[in-house]
N, C-alpha and C. Protein backbone atom coordinates (compact mmCIF):
# COMPACT_ATOMS: atom_id res chain seq x y z
N MET A 1 50.71 159.04 128.13
CA MET A 1 50.85 159.13 126.71
C MET A 1 49.77 158.26 126.06
N LYS A 2 49.19 158.78 125.05
CA LYS A 2 48.08 158.08 124.40
C LYS A 2 48.59 156.90 123.57
N PRO A 3 47.77 155.84 123.43
CA PRO A 3 48.18 154.66 122.66
C PRO A 3 48.59 154.98 121.23
N ARG A 4 47.91 155.91 120.57
CA ARG A 4 48.27 156.25 119.19
C ARG A 4 49.66 156.85 119.11
N PHE A 5 50.01 157.67 120.10
CA PHE A 5 51.34 158.25 120.14
C PHE A 5 52.39 157.16 120.30
N MET A 6 52.14 156.22 121.22
CA MET A 6 53.08 155.12 121.44
C MET A 6 53.21 154.26 120.18
N GLU A 7 52.13 154.04 119.48
CA GLU A 7 52.15 153.26 118.24
C GLU A 7 53.02 153.95 117.19
N ARG A 8 52.91 155.28 117.09
CA ARG A 8 53.73 156.02 116.12
C ARG A 8 55.21 155.94 116.46
N LEU A 9 55.54 155.84 117.74
CA LEU A 9 56.95 155.73 118.13
C LEU A 9 57.59 154.47 117.55
N LYS A 10 56.81 153.40 117.41
CA LYS A 10 57.35 152.15 116.86
C LYS A 10 57.94 152.35 115.48
N TYR A 11 57.36 153.24 114.71
CA TYR A 11 57.78 153.41 113.32
C TYR A 11 58.66 154.64 113.12
N SER A 12 59.05 155.28 114.20
CA SER A 12 59.94 156.44 114.12
C SER A 12 61.37 155.98 113.85
N ARG A 13 62.16 156.91 113.32
CA ARG A 13 63.59 156.63 113.13
C ARG A 13 64.29 156.86 114.47
N TRP A 14 64.91 155.84 114.98
CA TRP A 14 65.61 155.93 116.25
C TRP A 14 67.10 156.08 115.97
N LYS A 15 67.76 156.94 116.75
CA LYS A 15 69.19 157.17 116.60
C LYS A 15 69.94 156.41 117.69
N GLU A 16 71.20 156.15 117.44
CA GLU A 16 72.07 155.53 118.44
C GLU A 16 72.18 156.48 119.63
N VAL A 17 72.20 155.95 120.83
CA VAL A 17 72.29 156.78 122.04
C VAL A 17 73.73 157.28 122.19
N PRO A 18 73.92 158.60 122.26
CA PRO A 18 75.29 159.14 122.44
C PRO A 18 75.81 158.87 123.85
N ASP A 19 77.10 159.11 124.05
CA ASP A 19 77.70 158.90 125.38
C ASP A 19 77.03 159.76 126.44
N LYS A 20 76.65 160.96 126.08
CA LYS A 20 75.93 161.85 127.00
C LYS A 20 74.56 162.14 126.38
N PRO A 21 73.54 161.33 126.72
CA PRO A 21 72.22 161.51 126.10
C PRO A 21 71.60 162.87 126.39
N THR A 22 70.86 163.37 125.40
CA THR A 22 70.15 164.64 125.52
C THR A 22 68.77 164.38 126.13
N VAL A 23 68.39 165.19 127.11
CA VAL A 23 67.09 165.06 127.75
C VAL A 23 66.36 166.38 127.72
N PRO A 24 65.06 166.41 127.79
CA PRO A 24 64.18 165.25 127.83
C PRO A 24 64.19 164.52 126.49
N GLY A 25 63.86 163.22 126.57
CA GLY A 25 63.86 162.44 125.35
C GLY A 25 63.33 161.04 125.56
N PHE A 26 63.06 160.37 124.44
CA PHE A 26 62.63 158.98 124.43
C PHE A 26 63.82 158.11 124.07
N PHE A 27 63.94 156.97 124.75
CA PHE A 27 65.01 156.03 124.51
C PHE A 27 64.40 154.65 124.31
N ARG A 28 64.90 153.94 123.31
CA ARG A 28 64.31 152.64 122.95
C ARG A 28 65.37 151.55 123.06
N GLY A 29 64.95 150.44 123.62
CA GLY A 29 65.82 149.29 123.72
C GLY A 29 65.00 148.02 123.57
N MET A 30 65.69 146.90 123.54
CA MET A 30 65.04 145.61 123.40
C MET A 30 65.47 144.70 124.55
N LEU A 31 64.54 143.91 125.01
CA LEU A 31 64.80 142.90 126.03
C LEU A 31 64.49 141.55 125.40
N PHE A 32 65.47 140.67 125.36
CA PHE A 32 65.25 139.34 124.80
C PHE A 32 64.96 138.37 125.94
N VAL A 33 63.81 137.69 125.86
CA VAL A 33 63.42 136.70 126.86
C VAL A 33 63.58 135.32 126.24
N ASP A 34 64.45 134.53 126.82
CA ASP A 34 64.69 133.17 126.36
C ASP A 34 63.86 132.22 127.21
N GLY A 35 62.90 131.55 126.61
CA GLY A 35 62.03 130.65 127.36
C GLY A 35 60.78 131.36 127.84
N TYR A 36 60.14 130.77 128.84
CA TYR A 36 58.89 131.31 129.36
C TYR A 36 59.18 132.52 130.25
N PRO A 37 58.52 133.67 130.02
CA PRO A 37 58.79 134.87 130.83
C PRO A 37 58.38 134.69 132.29
N GLY A 38 59.12 135.32 133.15
CA GLY A 38 58.79 135.35 134.58
C GLY A 38 58.69 136.79 135.06
N ASP A 39 58.12 136.96 136.25
CA ASP A 39 58.06 138.29 136.85
C ASP A 39 59.48 138.82 137.02
N THR A 40 59.65 140.11 136.83
CA THR A 40 60.96 140.73 137.00
C THR A 40 60.76 142.17 137.48
N PHE A 41 61.85 142.85 137.70
CA PHE A 41 61.81 144.23 138.16
C PHE A 41 62.75 145.06 137.30
N VAL A 42 62.36 146.28 137.00
CA VAL A 42 63.17 147.19 136.19
C VAL A 42 63.86 148.17 137.12
N LYS A 43 65.17 148.25 136.99
CA LYS A 43 65.97 149.17 137.80
C LYS A 43 66.68 150.12 136.85
N LEU A 44 66.65 151.41 137.15
CA LEU A 44 67.20 152.43 136.26
C LEU A 44 68.31 153.24 136.94
N PRO A 45 69.46 152.62 137.24
CA PRO A 45 70.54 153.38 137.87
C PRO A 45 71.09 154.43 136.90
N GLY A 46 71.26 155.64 137.39
CA GLY A 46 71.77 156.71 136.55
C GLY A 46 70.69 157.50 135.81
N TRP A 47 69.46 157.01 135.88
CA TRP A 47 68.32 157.73 135.30
C TRP A 47 67.70 158.56 136.41
N SER A 48 66.98 159.61 136.06
CA SER A 48 66.50 160.51 137.09
C SER A 48 64.99 160.46 137.31
N LYS A 49 64.21 160.80 136.28
CA LYS A 49 62.77 160.92 136.46
C LYS A 49 62.09 160.71 135.12
N GLY A 50 61.14 159.76 135.08
CA GLY A 50 60.47 159.51 133.80
C GLY A 50 59.45 158.40 133.87
N VAL A 51 59.20 157.81 132.70
CA VAL A 51 58.17 156.78 132.55
C VAL A 51 58.73 155.64 131.70
N VAL A 52 58.37 154.39 132.06
CA VAL A 52 58.82 153.21 131.32
C VAL A 52 57.62 152.55 130.63
N PHE A 53 57.81 152.19 129.37
CA PHE A 53 56.80 151.48 128.59
C PHE A 53 57.39 150.14 128.15
N ILE A 54 56.61 149.07 128.31
CA ILE A 54 57.02 147.74 127.88
C ILE A 54 56.02 147.27 126.84
N ASN A 55 56.50 146.97 125.64
CA ASN A 55 55.62 146.51 124.56
C ASN A 55 54.40 147.42 124.39
N GLY A 56 54.63 148.72 124.49
CA GLY A 56 53.57 149.70 124.28
C GLY A 56 52.67 149.97 125.48
N GLN A 57 52.89 149.27 126.59
CA GLN A 57 52.08 149.47 127.79
C GLN A 57 52.85 150.31 128.81
N ASN A 58 52.16 151.22 129.46
CA ASN A 58 52.77 152.07 130.46
C ASN A 58 53.02 151.27 131.74
N LEU A 59 54.29 150.95 131.99
CA LEU A 59 54.64 150.19 133.20
C LEU A 59 54.56 151.08 134.43
N GLY A 60 54.99 152.33 134.31
CA GLY A 60 54.91 153.22 135.46
C GLY A 60 55.97 154.30 135.44
N ARG A 61 55.86 155.16 136.44
CA ARG A 61 56.78 156.28 136.59
C ARG A 61 57.88 155.91 137.58
N TYR A 62 59.02 156.53 137.41
CA TYR A 62 60.13 156.35 138.36
C TYR A 62 60.73 157.70 138.67
N TRP A 63 61.35 157.78 139.82
CA TRP A 63 62.04 159.00 140.23
C TRP A 63 63.18 158.58 141.14
N SER A 64 64.36 159.03 140.84
CA SER A 64 65.55 158.57 141.55
C SER A 64 65.55 158.92 143.04
N ILE A 65 64.73 159.90 143.46
CA ILE A 65 64.71 160.25 144.88
C ILE A 65 64.04 159.17 145.73
N GLY A 66 63.37 158.20 145.05
CA GLY A 66 62.80 157.05 145.72
C GLY A 66 61.57 157.35 146.55
N PRO A 67 61.30 156.51 147.52
CA PRO A 67 62.19 155.48 148.06
C PRO A 67 62.31 154.25 147.16
N GLN A 68 61.29 153.93 146.41
CA GLN A 68 61.31 152.73 145.56
C GLN A 68 62.31 152.92 144.42
N GLN A 69 63.15 151.90 144.20
CA GLN A 69 64.18 151.99 143.16
C GLN A 69 63.95 151.03 142.00
N THR A 70 62.87 150.25 142.04
CA THR A 70 62.55 149.32 140.96
C THR A 70 61.07 149.42 140.62
N LEU A 71 60.74 149.03 139.39
CA LEU A 71 59.35 148.92 138.96
C LEU A 71 59.04 147.45 138.73
N TYR A 72 57.90 146.99 139.22
CA TYR A 72 57.49 145.60 139.04
C TYR A 72 57.02 145.39 137.61
N LEU A 73 57.58 144.37 136.94
CA LEU A 73 57.21 144.02 135.58
C LEU A 73 56.63 142.61 135.59
N PRO A 74 55.29 142.49 135.52
CA PRO A 74 54.67 141.17 135.58
C PRO A 74 54.95 140.34 134.33
N ALA A 75 55.10 139.04 134.51
CA ALA A 75 55.41 138.13 133.41
C ALA A 75 54.44 138.23 132.23
N PRO A 76 53.12 138.39 132.44
CA PRO A 76 52.21 138.45 131.29
C PRO A 76 52.46 139.63 130.34
N TRP A 77 53.20 140.65 130.79
CA TRP A 77 53.51 141.79 129.93
C TRP A 77 54.63 141.46 128.94
N LEU A 78 55.34 140.38 129.21
CA LEU A 78 56.47 139.97 128.37
C LEU A 78 56.08 138.78 127.51
N HIS A 79 56.79 138.60 126.42
CA HIS A 79 56.61 137.39 125.62
C HIS A 79 57.98 136.84 125.25
N THR A 80 58.02 135.57 124.93
CA THR A 80 59.26 134.93 124.53
C THR A 80 59.80 135.63 123.29
N GLY A 81 61.09 135.90 123.29
CA GLY A 81 61.70 136.60 122.16
C GLY A 81 61.96 138.05 122.50
N ILE A 82 61.80 138.91 121.51
CA ILE A 82 62.13 140.32 121.66
C ILE A 82 60.96 141.12 122.22
N ASN A 83 61.25 141.92 123.23
CA ASN A 83 60.29 142.83 123.86
C ASN A 83 60.82 144.25 123.73
N GLU A 84 59.94 145.18 123.38
CA GLU A 84 60.33 146.57 123.22
C GLU A 84 60.24 147.32 124.55
N VAL A 85 61.29 148.07 124.86
CA VAL A 85 61.34 148.90 126.06
C VAL A 85 61.55 150.35 125.62
N ILE A 86 60.64 151.23 126.01
CA ILE A 86 60.79 152.65 125.73
C ILE A 86 60.78 153.40 127.06
N VAL A 87 61.75 154.28 127.22
CA VAL A 87 61.85 155.09 128.42
C VAL A 87 61.76 156.56 128.02
N PHE A 88 60.86 157.30 128.67
CA PHE A 88 60.84 158.75 128.53
C PHE A 88 61.52 159.32 129.75
N GLU A 89 62.63 160.01 129.55
CA GLU A 89 63.41 160.58 130.64
C GLU A 89 63.34 162.11 130.58
N GLU A 90 63.13 162.72 131.73
CA GLU A 90 63.00 164.17 131.80
C GLU A 90 64.30 164.91 132.12
N GLN A 91 65.18 164.30 132.94
CA GLN A 91 66.29 165.08 133.49
C GLN A 91 67.68 164.52 133.23
N GLU A 92 67.89 163.23 133.44
CA GLU A 92 69.24 162.66 133.32
C GLU A 92 69.15 161.21 132.88
N ALA A 93 69.72 160.90 131.72
CA ALA A 93 69.62 159.56 131.16
C ALA A 93 70.96 158.83 131.19
N GLU A 94 70.88 157.53 131.19
CA GLU A 94 72.04 156.65 131.13
C GLU A 94 71.88 155.80 129.88
N LYS A 95 72.86 154.97 129.57
CA LYS A 95 72.77 154.14 128.36
C LYS A 95 72.18 152.76 128.62
N THR A 96 72.03 152.36 129.88
CA THR A 96 71.52 151.02 130.18
C THR A 96 70.46 151.07 131.27
N ILE A 97 69.62 150.04 131.27
CA ILE A 97 68.71 149.77 132.38
C ILE A 97 68.91 148.32 132.77
N HIS A 98 68.50 147.97 133.97
CA HIS A 98 68.72 146.62 134.48
C HIS A 98 67.39 145.93 134.74
N PHE A 99 67.36 144.63 134.49
CA PHE A 99 66.22 143.79 134.84
C PHE A 99 66.72 142.85 135.92
N VAL A 100 66.10 142.93 137.11
CA VAL A 100 66.58 142.19 138.27
C VAL A 100 65.47 141.29 138.82
N ASN A 101 65.87 140.31 139.63
CA ASN A 101 64.93 139.31 140.16
C ASN A 101 64.20 139.72 141.43
N ALA A 102 64.69 140.76 142.10
CA ALA A 102 64.11 141.15 143.39
C ALA A 102 63.85 142.66 143.41
N PRO A 103 62.83 143.09 144.15
CA PRO A 103 62.55 144.52 144.23
C PRO A 103 63.58 145.23 145.10
N ASP A 104 63.76 146.51 144.83
CA ASP A 104 64.54 147.40 145.69
C ASP A 104 63.57 148.49 146.12
N LEU A 105 63.04 148.34 147.33
CA LEU A 105 62.01 149.24 147.82
C LEU A 105 62.57 150.42 148.62
N GLY A 106 63.87 150.56 148.61
CA GLY A 106 64.49 151.69 149.30
C GLY A 106 64.78 151.37 150.75
N MET A 107 65.30 152.36 151.44
CA MET A 107 65.67 152.20 152.83
C MET A 107 64.45 152.29 153.74
N ALA A 108 64.46 151.51 154.78
CA ALA A 108 63.44 151.61 155.81
C ALA A 108 63.86 152.68 156.80
N VAL A 109 62.91 153.49 157.21
CA VAL A 109 63.19 154.58 158.14
C VAL A 109 62.22 154.49 159.30
N ASP A 110 62.77 154.56 160.51
CA ASP A 110 61.91 154.59 161.69
C ASP A 110 61.33 155.98 161.87
N VAL A 111 60.03 156.06 162.04
CA VAL A 111 59.36 157.34 162.26
C VAL A 111 58.87 157.38 163.70
N GLU A 112 59.25 158.40 164.41
CA GLU A 112 58.85 158.49 165.81
C GLU A 112 57.67 159.43 165.96
């Protein structure tokens, strides 16, 4: 998504997320960081396939089929106070996302 498009999203009218969100769609939330930001990971349980933006920057794509279940969010992308989180979801959305301290890289599989 182009930077101008992401900038326009900031000034769009956002609606409250219903119990069963409609997809595809954009979802906006806020992350409050108290103190100095640290590296973290974004986990999207219940979400299916899409893209995450943090403070207008494209953090990356996710897909529930994995194997990776988290996206790395480096501390310099965050600032103390309120941070904007926008998720574009294609197939199945949930009402929450999680910020966790450790990566979930999926199951290890032995290949013969």
